[in-house]
Full PDB file with SEQRES, HELIX, SHEET, SSBOND, CRYST1, ORIGX, SCALE, CONECT and MASTER records, all heavy atoms in Angstrom:
SEQRES   1 A   36  LEU GLU THR SER GLY LEU THR ALA ARG GLU ALA SER ASP          
SEQRES   2 A   36  GLU ILE CYS ALA ALA LEU GLY ALA GLU GLY ILE ALA CYS          
SEQRES   3 A   36  VAL GLY THR LYS PHE VAL ILE TRP ARG LYS                      
HELIX    1 AA1 ALA A    8  LEU A   19  1                                  12    
SHEET    1 AA1 2 GLU A  22  VAL A  27  0                                        
SHEET    2 AA1 2 LYS A  30  TRP A  34 -1                                        
CRYST1    1.000    1.000    1.000  90.00  90.00  90.00 P 1           1          
ORIGX1      1.000000  0.000000  0.000000        0.00000                         
ORIGX2      0.000000  1.000000  0.000000        0.00000                         
ORIGX3      0.000000  0.000000  1.000000        0.00000                         
SCALE1      1.000000  0.000000  0.000000        0.00000                         
SCALE2      0.000000  1.000000  0.000000        0.00000                         
SCALE3      0.000000  0.000000  1.000000        0.00000                         
ATOM      1  N   LEU A   1       0.829  -1.200   0.000  1.00  0.00           N  
ATOM      2  CA  LEU A   1       0.000   0.000   0.000  1.00  0.00           C  
ATOM      3  C   LEU A   1       0.867   1.255   0.000  1.00  0.00           C  
ATOM      4  O   LEU A   1       2.023   1.234   0.426  1.00  0.00           O  
ATOM      5  CB  LEU A   1      -0.918   0.002   1.220  1.00  0.00           C  
ATOM      6  CG  LEU A   1      -1.920  -1.143   1.321  1.00  0.00           C  
ATOM      7  CD1 LEU A   1      -2.726  -1.015   2.601  1.00  0.00           C  
ATOM      8  CD2 LEU A   1      -2.848  -1.171   0.121  1.00  0.00           C  
ATOM      9  N   GLU A   2       0.284   2.364  -0.450  1.00  0.00           N  
ATOM     10  CA  GLU A   2       1.024   3.627  -0.507  1.00  0.00           C  
ATOM     11  C   GLU A   2       1.432   4.116   0.878  1.00  0.00           C  
ATOM     12  O   GLU A   2       2.437   4.797   1.029  1.00  0.00           O  
ATOM     13  CB  GLU A   2       0.173   4.702  -1.176  1.00  0.00           C  
ATOM     14  CG  GLU A   2      -0.048   4.467  -2.652  1.00  0.00           C  
ATOM     15  CD  GLU A   2      -0.945   5.530  -3.263  1.00  0.00           C  
ATOM     16  OE1 GLU A   2      -1.238   6.530  -2.598  1.00  0.00           O  
ATOM     17  OE2 GLU A   2      -1.350   5.341  -4.420  1.00  0.00           O  
ATOM     18  N   THR A   3       0.640   3.778   1.906  1.00  0.00           N  
ATOM     19  CA  THR A   3       0.935   4.232   3.260  1.00  0.00           C  
ATOM     20  C   THR A   3       2.148   3.527   3.856  1.00  0.00           C  
ATOM     21  O   THR A   3       2.708   4.001   4.838  1.00  0.00           O  
ATOM     22  CB  THR A   3      -0.268   4.017   4.186  1.00  0.00           C  
ATOM     23  OG1 THR A   3      -0.625   2.634   4.172  1.00  0.00           O  
ATOM     24  CG2 THR A   3      -1.438   4.867   3.746  1.00  0.00           C  
ATOM     25  N   SER A   4       2.542   2.429   3.272  1.00  0.00           N  
ATOM     26  CA  SER A   4       3.731   1.725   3.732  1.00  0.00           C  
ATOM     27  C   SER A   4       4.962   2.496   3.271  1.00  0.00           C  
ATOM     28  O   SER A   4       4.985   3.084   2.199  1.00  0.00           O  
ATOM     29  CB  SER A   4       3.758   0.314   3.152  1.00  0.00           C  
ATOM     30  OG  SER A   4       4.968  -0.331   3.480  1.00  0.00           O  
ATOM     31  N   GLY A   5       5.986   2.482   4.049  1.00  0.00           N  
ATOM     32  CA  GLY A   5       7.210   3.171   3.677  1.00  0.00           C  
ATOM     33  C   GLY A   5       8.129   2.330   2.813  1.00  0.00           C  
ATOM     34  O   GLY A   5       9.265   2.704   2.568  1.00  0.00           O  
ATOM     35  N   LEU A   6       7.641   1.196   2.338  1.00  0.00           N  
ATOM     36  CA  LEU A   6       8.467   0.261   1.578  1.00  0.00           C  
ATOM     37  C   LEU A   6       8.084   0.239   0.108  1.00  0.00           C  
ATOM     38  O   LEU A   6       6.940   0.518  -0.241  1.00  0.00           O  
ATOM     39  CB  LEU A   6       8.299  -1.155   2.131  1.00  0.00           C  
ATOM     40  CG  LEU A   6       8.644  -1.401   3.587  1.00  0.00           C  
ATOM     41  CD1 LEU A   6       8.220  -2.798   3.996  1.00  0.00           C  
ATOM     42  CD2 LEU A   6      10.125  -1.225   3.806  1.00  0.00           C  
ATOM     43  N   THR A   7       9.024  -0.134  -0.731  1.00  0.00           N  
ATOM     44  CA  THR A   7       8.707  -0.435  -2.124  1.00  0.00           C  
ATOM     45  C   THR A   7       8.365  -1.925  -2.211  1.00  0.00           C  
ATOM     46  O   THR A   7       8.603  -2.680  -1.259  1.00  0.00           O  
ATOM     47  CB  THR A   7       9.901  -0.134  -3.049  1.00  0.00           C  
ATOM     48  OG1 THR A   7      10.975  -1.023  -2.702  1.00  0.00           O  
ATOM     49  CG2 THR A   7      10.344   1.307  -2.932  1.00  0.00           C  
ATOM     50  N   ALA A   8       7.836  -2.336  -3.340  1.00  0.00           N  
ATOM     51  CA  ALA A   8       7.496  -3.752  -3.518  1.00  0.00           C  
ATOM     52  C   ALA A   8       8.744  -4.623  -3.432  1.00  0.00           C  
ATOM     53  O   ALA A   8       8.731  -5.700  -2.845  1.00  0.00           O  
ATOM     54  CB  ALA A   8       6.788  -3.962  -4.849  1.00  0.00           C  
ATOM     55  N   ARG A   9       9.857  -4.146  -3.982  1.00  0.00           N  
ATOM     56  CA  ARG A   9      11.105  -4.909  -3.952  1.00  0.00           C  
ATOM     57  C   ARG A   9      11.605  -5.078  -2.521  1.00  0.00           C  
ATOM     58  O   ARG A   9      12.031  -6.150  -2.122  1.00  0.00           O  
ATOM     59  CB  ARG A   9      12.163  -4.197  -4.813  1.00  0.00           C  
ATOM     60  CG  ARG A   9      13.546  -4.767  -4.720  1.00  0.00           C  
ATOM     61  CD  ARG A   9      13.734  -6.046  -5.474  1.00  0.00           C  
ATOM     62  NE  ARG A   9      13.422  -5.849  -6.877  1.00  0.00           N  
ATOM     63  CZ  ARG A   9      13.252  -6.856  -7.722  1.00  0.00           C  
ATOM     64  NH1 ARG A   9      13.364  -8.098  -7.318  1.00  0.00           N  
ATOM     65  NH2 ARG A   9      12.962  -6.636  -8.975  1.00  0.00           N  
ATOM     66  N   GLU A  10      11.567  -3.996  -1.730  1.00  0.00           N  
ATOM     67  CA  GLU A  10      12.026  -4.066  -0.341  1.00  0.00           C  
ATOM     68  C   GLU A  10      11.152  -5.018   0.477  1.00  0.00           C  
ATOM     69  O   GLU A  10      11.673  -5.833   1.251  1.00  0.00           O  
ATOM     70  CB  GLU A  10      12.007  -2.676   0.291  1.00  0.00           C  
ATOM     71  CG  GLU A  10      13.018  -1.724  -0.278  1.00  0.00           C  
ATOM     72  CD  GLU A  10      12.806  -0.286   0.159  1.00  0.00           C  
ATOM     73  OE1 GLU A  10      11.712   0.051   0.644  1.00  0.00           O  
ATOM     74  OE2 GLU A  10      13.755   0.501   0.008  1.00  0.00           O  
ATOM     75  N   ALA A  11       9.842  -4.937   0.307  1.00  0.00           N  
ATOM     76  CA  ALA A  11       8.935  -5.815   1.046  1.00  0.00           C  
ATOM     77  C   ALA A  11       9.150  -7.272   0.646  1.00  0.00           C  
ATOM     78  O   ALA A  11       9.227  -8.157   1.498  1.00  0.00           O  
ATOM     79  CB  ALA A  11       7.486  -5.410   0.796  1.00  0.00           C  
ATOM     80  N   SER A  12       9.283  -7.507  -0.649  1.00  0.00           N  
ATOM     81  CA  SER A  12       9.516  -8.866  -1.136  1.00  0.00           C  
ATOM     82  C   SER A  12      10.824  -9.431  -0.588  1.00  0.00           C  
ATOM     83  O   SER A  12      10.871 -10.575  -0.135  1.00  0.00           O  
ATOM     84  CB  SER A  12       9.545  -8.857  -2.665  1.00  0.00           C  
ATOM     85  OG  SER A  12       9.909 -10.108  -3.166  1.00  0.00           O  
ATOM     86  N   ASP A  13      11.885  -8.625  -0.614  1.00  0.00           N  
ATOM     87  CA  ASP A  13      13.184  -9.084  -0.113  1.00  0.00           C  
ATOM     88  C   ASP A  13      13.131  -9.396   1.380  1.00  0.00           C  
ATOM     89  O   ASP A  13      13.708 -10.393   1.826  1.00  0.00           O  
ATOM     90  CB  ASP A  13      14.259  -8.038  -0.394  1.00  0.00           C  
ATOM     91  CG  ASP A  13      14.616  -7.938  -1.873  1.00  0.00           C  
ATOM     92  OD1 ASP A  13      14.234  -8.852  -2.640  1.00  0.00           O  
ATOM     93  OD2 ASP A  13      15.259  -6.943  -2.249  1.00  0.00           O  
ATOM     94  N   GLU A  14      12.449  -8.559   2.156  1.00  0.00           N  
ATOM     95  CA  GLU A  14      12.333  -8.803   3.603  1.00  0.00           C  
ATOM     96  C   GLU A  14      11.570 -10.084   3.890  1.00  0.00           C  
ATOM     97  O   GLU A  14      11.972 -10.888   4.734  1.00  0.00           O  
ATOM     98  CB  GLU A  14      11.638  -7.630   4.290  1.00  0.00           C  
ATOM     99  CG  GLU A  14      12.514  -6.439   4.529  1.00  0.00           C  
ATOM    100  CD  GLU A  14      11.830  -5.385   5.371  1.00  0.00           C  
ATOM    101  OE1 GLU A  14      11.164  -5.748   6.368  1.00  0.00           O  
ATOM    102  OE2 GLU A  14      11.952  -4.197   5.025  1.00  0.00           O  
ATOM    103  N   ILE A  15      10.456 -10.290   3.189  1.00  0.00           N  
ATOM    104  CA  ILE A  15       9.638 -11.488   3.403  1.00  0.00           C  
ATOM    105  C   ILE A  15      10.412 -12.726   2.986  1.00  0.00           C  
ATOM    106  O   ILE A  15      10.432 -13.733   3.697  1.00  0.00           O  
ATOM    107  CB  ILE A  15       8.305 -11.378   2.639  1.00  0.00           C  
ATOM    108  CG1 ILE A  15       7.450 -10.262   3.240  1.00  0.00           C  
ATOM    109  CG2 ILE A  15       7.546 -12.699   2.673  1.00  0.00           C  
ATOM    110  CD1 ILE A  15       6.234  -9.887   2.415  1.00  0.00           C  
ATOM    111  N   CYS A  16      11.069 -12.667   1.841  1.00  0.00           N  
ATOM    112  CA  CYS A  16      11.842 -13.815   1.352  1.00  0.00           C  
ATOM    113  C   CYS A  16      12.986 -14.171   2.299  1.00  0.00           C  
ATOM    114  O   CYS A  16      13.233 -15.349   2.564  1.00  0.00           O  
ATOM    115  CB  CYS A  16      12.391 -13.533  -0.040  1.00  0.00           C  
ATOM    116  SG  CYS A  16      11.127 -13.512  -1.318  1.00  0.00           S  
ATOM    117  N   ALA A  17      13.674 -13.171   2.821  1.00  0.00           N  
ATOM    118  CA  ALA A  17      14.774 -13.424   3.746  1.00  0.00           C  
ATOM    119  C   ALA A  17      14.276 -14.049   5.045  1.00  0.00           C  
ATOM    120  O   ALA A  17      14.916 -14.943   5.602  1.00  0.00           O  
ATOM    121  CB  ALA A  17      15.516 -12.128   4.045  1.00  0.00           C  
ATOM    122  N   ALA A  18      13.133 -13.604   5.534  1.00  0.00           N  
ATOM    123  CA  ALA A  18      12.598 -14.109   6.795  1.00  0.00           C  
ATOM    124  C   ALA A  18      12.033 -15.522   6.663  1.00  0.00           C  
ATOM    125  O   ALA A  18      12.092 -16.303   7.613  1.00  0.00           O  
ATOM    126  CB  ALA A  18      11.514 -13.171   7.320  1.00  0.00           C  
ATOM    127  N   LEU A  19      11.504 -15.864   5.483  1.00  0.00           N  
ATOM    128  CA  LEU A  19      10.804 -17.141   5.334  1.00  0.00           C  
ATOM    129  C   LEU A  19      11.525 -18.154   4.457  1.00  0.00           C  
ATOM    130  O   LEU A  19      11.049 -19.272   4.296  1.00  0.00           O  
ATOM    131  CB  LEU A  19       9.400 -16.894   4.748  1.00  0.00           C  
ATOM    132  CG  LEU A  19       8.504 -15.957   5.541  1.00  0.00           C  
ATOM    133  CD1 LEU A  19       7.166 -15.814   4.835  1.00  0.00           C  
ATOM    134  CD2 LEU A  19       8.316 -16.455   6.953  1.00  0.00           C  
ATOM    135  N   GLY A  20      12.632 -17.788   3.868  1.00  0.00           N  
ATOM    136  CA  GLY A  20      13.344 -18.717   2.986  1.00  0.00           C  
ATOM    137  C   GLY A  20      12.628 -18.916   1.664  1.00  0.00           C  
ATOM    138  O   GLY A  20      12.728 -19.975   1.055  1.00  0.00           O  
ATOM    139  N   ALA A  21      11.910 -17.910   1.216  1.00  0.00           N  
ATOM    140  CA  ALA A  21      11.202 -17.978  -0.059  1.00  0.00           C  
ATOM    141  C   ALA A  21      12.048 -17.333  -1.149  1.00  0.00           C  
ATOM    142  O   ALA A  21      13.121 -16.804  -0.877  1.00  0.00           O  
ATOM    143  CB  ALA A  21       9.857 -17.262   0.061  1.00  0.00           C  
ATOM    144  N   GLU A  22      11.552 -17.391  -2.383  1.00  0.00           N  
ATOM    145  CA  GLU A  22      12.254 -16.761  -3.500  1.00  0.00           C  
ATOM    146  C   GLU A  22      11.350 -15.723  -4.142  1.00  0.00           C  
ATOM    147  O   GLU A  22      10.160 -15.963  -4.346  1.00  0.00           O  
ATOM    148  CB  GLU A  22      12.633 -17.795  -4.549  1.00  0.00           C  
ATOM    149  CG  GLU A  22      13.740 -18.707  -4.091  1.00  0.00           C  
ATOM    150  CD  GLU A  22      14.401 -19.414  -5.244  1.00  0.00           C  
ATOM    151  OE1 GLU A  22      14.691 -18.764  -6.264  1.00  0.00           O  
ATOM    152  OE2 GLU A  22      14.609 -20.613  -5.117  1.00  0.00           O  
ATOM    153  N   GLY A  23      11.921 -14.583  -4.456  1.00  0.00           N  
ATOM    154  CA  GLY A  23      11.182 -13.542  -5.158  1.00  0.00           C  
ATOM    155  C   GLY A  23      11.091 -13.890  -6.633  1.00  0.00           C  
ATOM    156  O   GLY A  23      12.094 -14.180  -7.268  1.00  0.00           O  
ATOM    157  N   ILE A  24       9.879 -13.879  -7.166  1.00  0.00           N  
ATOM    158  CA  ILE A  24       9.671 -14.224  -8.571  1.00  0.00           C  
ATOM    159  C   ILE A  24       9.586 -12.971  -9.424  1.00  0.00           C  
ATOM    160  O   ILE A  24      10.216 -12.879 -10.469  1.00  0.00           O  
ATOM    161  CB  ILE A  24       8.386 -15.064  -8.739  1.00  0.00           C  
ATOM    162  CG1 ILE A  24       8.470 -16.348  -7.917  1.00  0.00           C  
ATOM    163  CG2 ILE A  24       8.105 -15.368 -10.200  1.00  0.00           C  
ATOM    164  CD1 ILE A  24       9.569 -17.292  -8.310  1.00  0.00           C  
ATOM    165  N   ALA A  25       8.802 -11.987  -8.979  1.00  0.00           N  
ATOM    166  CA  ALA A  25       8.632 -10.769  -9.773  1.00  0.00           C  
ATOM    167  C   ALA A  25       8.232  -9.604  -8.887  1.00  0.00           C  
ATOM    168  O   ALA A  25       7.594  -9.794  -7.857  1.00  0.00           O  
ATOM    169  CB  ALA A  25       7.576 -10.988 -10.847  1.00  0.00           C  
ATOM    170  N   CYS A  26       8.600  -8.401  -9.309  1.00  0.00           N  
ATOM    171  CA  CYS A  26       8.163  -7.153  -8.681  1.00  0.00           C  
ATOM    172  C   CYS A  26       7.820  -6.179  -9.793  1.00  0.00           C  
ATOM    173  O   CYS A  26       8.688  -5.821 -10.587  1.00  0.00           O  
ATOM    174  CB  CYS A  26       9.264  -6.547  -7.822  1.00  0.00           C  
ATOM    175  SG  CYS A  26       9.536  -7.418  -6.288  1.00  0.00           S  
ATOM    176  N   VAL A  27       6.554  -5.775  -9.853  1.00  0.00           N  
ATOM    177  CA  VAL A  27       6.107  -4.823 -10.863  1.00  0.00           C  
ATOM    178  C   VAL A  27       5.223  -3.798 -10.179  1.00  0.00           C  
ATOM    179  O   VAL A  27       4.184  -4.146  -9.617  1.00  0.00           O  
ATOM    180  CB  VAL A  27       5.328  -5.520 -11.995  1.00  0.00           C  
ATOM    181  CG1 VAL A  27       4.822  -4.499 -13.000  1.00  0.00           C  
ATOM    182  CG2 VAL A  27       6.179  -6.566 -12.675  1.00  0.00           C  
ATOM    183  N   GLY A  28       5.635  -2.546 -10.213  1.00  0.00           N  
ATOM    184  CA  GLY A  28       4.852  -1.485  -9.587  1.00  0.00           C  
ATOM    185  C   GLY A  28       4.755  -1.707  -8.088  1.00  0.00           C  
ATOM    186  O   GLY A  28       5.755  -1.786  -7.394  1.00  0.00           O  
ATOM    187  N   THR A  29       3.525  -1.836  -7.588  1.00  0.00           N  
ATOM    188  CA  THR A  29       3.318  -2.067  -6.161  1.00  0.00           C  
ATOM    189  C   THR A  29       3.062  -3.536  -5.849  1.00  0.00           C  
ATOM    190  O   THR A  29       2.795  -3.875  -4.699  1.00  0.00           O  
ATOM    191  CB  THR A  29       2.118  -1.241  -5.647  1.00  0.00           C  
ATOM    192  OG1 THR A  29       0.941  -1.649  -6.360  1.00  0.00           O  
ATOM    193  CG2 THR A  29       2.355   0.243  -5.822  1.00  0.00           C  
ATOM    194  N   LYS A  30       3.141  -4.399  -6.840  1.00  0.00           N  
ATOM    195  CA  LYS A  30       2.851  -5.824  -6.636  1.00  0.00           C  
ATOM    196  C   LYS A  30       4.123  -6.656  -6.707  1.00  0.00           C  
ATOM    197  O   LYS A  30       5.088  -6.309  -7.390  1.00  0.00           O  
ATOM    198  CB  LYS A  30       1.842  -6.301  -7.669  1.00  0.00           C  
ATOM    199  CG  LYS A  30       0.513  -5.622  -7.488  1.00  0.00           C  
ATOM    200  CD  LYS A  30      -0.509  -6.173  -8.411  1.00  0.00           C  
ATOM    201  CE  LYS A  30      -1.817  -5.459  -8.098  1.00  0.00           C  
ATOM    202  NZ  LYS A  30      -2.717  -5.424  -9.179  1.00  0.00           N  
ATOM    203  N   PHE A  31       4.094  -7.767  -5.982  1.00  0.00           N  
ATOM    204  CA  PHE A  31       5.228  -8.691  -5.984  1.00  0.00           C  
ATOM    205  C   PHE A  31       4.713 -10.119  -5.903  1.00  0.00           C  
ATOM    206  O   PHE A  31       3.585 -10.363  -5.489  1.00  0.00           O  
ATOM    207  CB  PHE A  31       6.189  -8.401  -4.827  1.00  0.00           C  
ATOM    208  CG  PHE A  31       5.580  -8.535  -3.455  1.00  0.00           C  
ATOM    209  CD1 PHE A  31       5.613  -9.739  -2.775  1.00  0.00           C  
ATOM    210  CD2 PHE A  31       4.965  -7.449  -2.850  1.00  0.00           C  
ATOM    211  CE1 PHE A  31       5.050  -9.862  -1.520  1.00  0.00           C  
ATOM    212  CE2 PHE A  31       4.404  -7.558  -1.593  1.00  0.00           C  
ATOM    213  CZ  PHE A  31       4.440  -8.767  -0.927  1.00  0.00           C  
ATOM    214  N   VAL A  32       5.536 -11.065  -6.333  1.00  0.00           N  
ATOM    215  CA  VAL A  32       5.191 -12.489  -6.305  1.00  0.00           C  
ATOM    216  C   VAL A  32       6.330 -13.229  -5.627  1.00  0.00           C  
ATOM    217  O   VAL A  32       7.498 -13.020  -5.968  1.00  0.00           O  
ATOM    218  CB  VAL A  32       4.965 -13.044  -7.726  1.00  0.00           C  
ATOM    219  CG1 VAL A  32       4.628 -14.519  -7.675  1.00  0.00           C  
ATOM    220  CG2 VAL A  32       3.879 -12.272  -8.446  1.00  0.00           C  
ATOM    221  N   ILE A  33       5.979 -14.086  -4.666  1.00  0.00           N  
ATOM    222  CA  ILE A  33       6.990 -14.914  -3.987  1.00  0.00           C  
ATOM    223  C   ILE A  33       6.591 -16.377  -4.088  1.00  0.00           C  
ATOM    224  O   ILE A  33       5.420 -16.711  -4.275  1.00  0.00           O  
ATOM    225  CB  ILE A  33       7.184 -14.496  -2.512  1.00  0.00           C  
ATOM    226  CG1 ILE A  33       5.871 -14.563  -1.735  1.00  0.00           C  
ATOM    227  CG2 ILE A  33       7.799 -13.116  -2.422  1.00  0.00           C  
ATOM    228  CD1 ILE A  33       6.017 -14.275  -0.259  1.00  0.00           C  
ATOM    229  N   TRP A  34       7.591 -17.258  -3.969  1.00  0.00           N  
ATOM    230  CA  TRP A  34       7.363 -18.697  -4.076  1.00  0.00           C  
ATOM    231  C   TRP A  34       8.221 -19.426  -3.058  1.00  0.00           C  
ATOM    232  O   TRP A  34       9.369 -19.038  -2.793  1.00  0.00           O  
ATOM    233  CB  TRP A  34       7.736 -19.177  -5.474  1.00  0.00           C  
ATOM    234  CG  TRP A  34       7.629 -20.649  -5.655  1.00  0.00           C  
ATOM    235  CD1 TRP A  34       6.510 -21.357  -5.957  1.00  0.00           C  
ATOM    236  CD2 TRP A  34       8.679 -21.615  -5.549  1.00  0.00           C  
ATOM    237  NE1 TRP A  34       6.805 -22.694  -6.047  1.00  0.00           N  
ATOM    238  CE2 TRP A  34       8.125 -22.876  -5.799  1.00  0.00           C  
ATOM    239  CE3 TRP A  34      10.029 -21.515  -5.255  1.00  0.00           C  
ATOM    240  CZ2 TRP A  34       8.882 -24.039  -5.767  1.00  0.00           C  
ATOM    241  CZ3 TRP A  34      10.784 -22.678  -5.224  1.00  0.00           C  
ATOM    242  CH2 TRP A  34      10.208 -23.926  -5.489  1.00  0.00           C  
ATOM    243  N   ARG A  35       7.645 -20.482  -2.484  1.00  0.00           N  
ATOM    244  CA  ARG A  35       8.398 -21.375  -1.602  1.00  0.00           C  
ATOM    245  C   ARG A  35       7.804 -22.766  -1.728  1.00  0.00           C  
ATOM    246  O   ARG A  35       6.587 -22.930  -1.731  1.00  0.00           O  
ATOM    247  CB  ARG A  35       8.328 -20.907  -0.149  1.00  0.00           C  
ATOM    248  CG  ARG A  35       9.195 -21.767   0.763  1.00  0.00           C  
ATOM    249  CD  ARG A  35       9.192 -21.281   2.173  1.00  0.00           C  
ATOM    250  NE  ARG A  35       7.923 -21.642   2.790  1.00  0.00           N  
ATOM    251  CZ  ARG A  35       7.601 -21.376   4.035  1.00  0.00           C  
ATOM    252  NH1 ARG A  35       8.432 -20.728   4.808  1.00  0.00           N  
ATOM    253  NH2 ARG A  35       6.436 -21.736   4.524  1.00  0.00           N  
ATOM    254  N   LYS A  36       8.646 -23.761  -1.848  1.00  0.00           N  
ATOM    255  CA  LYS A  36       8.189 -25.147  -1.967  1.00  0.00           C  
ATOM    256  C   LYS A  36       7.444 -25.556  -0.703  1.00  0.00           C  
ATOM    257  O   LYS A  36       7.887 -25.273   0.398  1.00  0.00           O  
ATOM    258  CB  LYS A  36       9.378 -26.060  -2.200  1.00  0.00           C  
ATOM    259  CG  LYS A  36       9.002 -27.461  -2.563  1.00  0.00           C  
ATOM    260  CD  LYS A  36      10.200 -28.166  -3.126  1.00  0.00           C  
ATOM    261  CE  LYS A  36       9.852 -29.557  -3.572  1.00  0.00           C  
ATOM    262  NZ  LYS A  36       9.015 -29.585  -4.759  1.00  0.00           N  
TER     263      LYS A  36                                                      
MASTER        0    0    0    1    2    0    0    6  262    1    0    3          
END                                                                             
């Protein structure tokens, strides 16, 4: 969301690092993550 101080890339990277997931894509304000 716009009220968040993060970009989609920053949020995706933080979530992936915390959960052991992989970032698939970041476009605009949306991101896609994957984990087996």
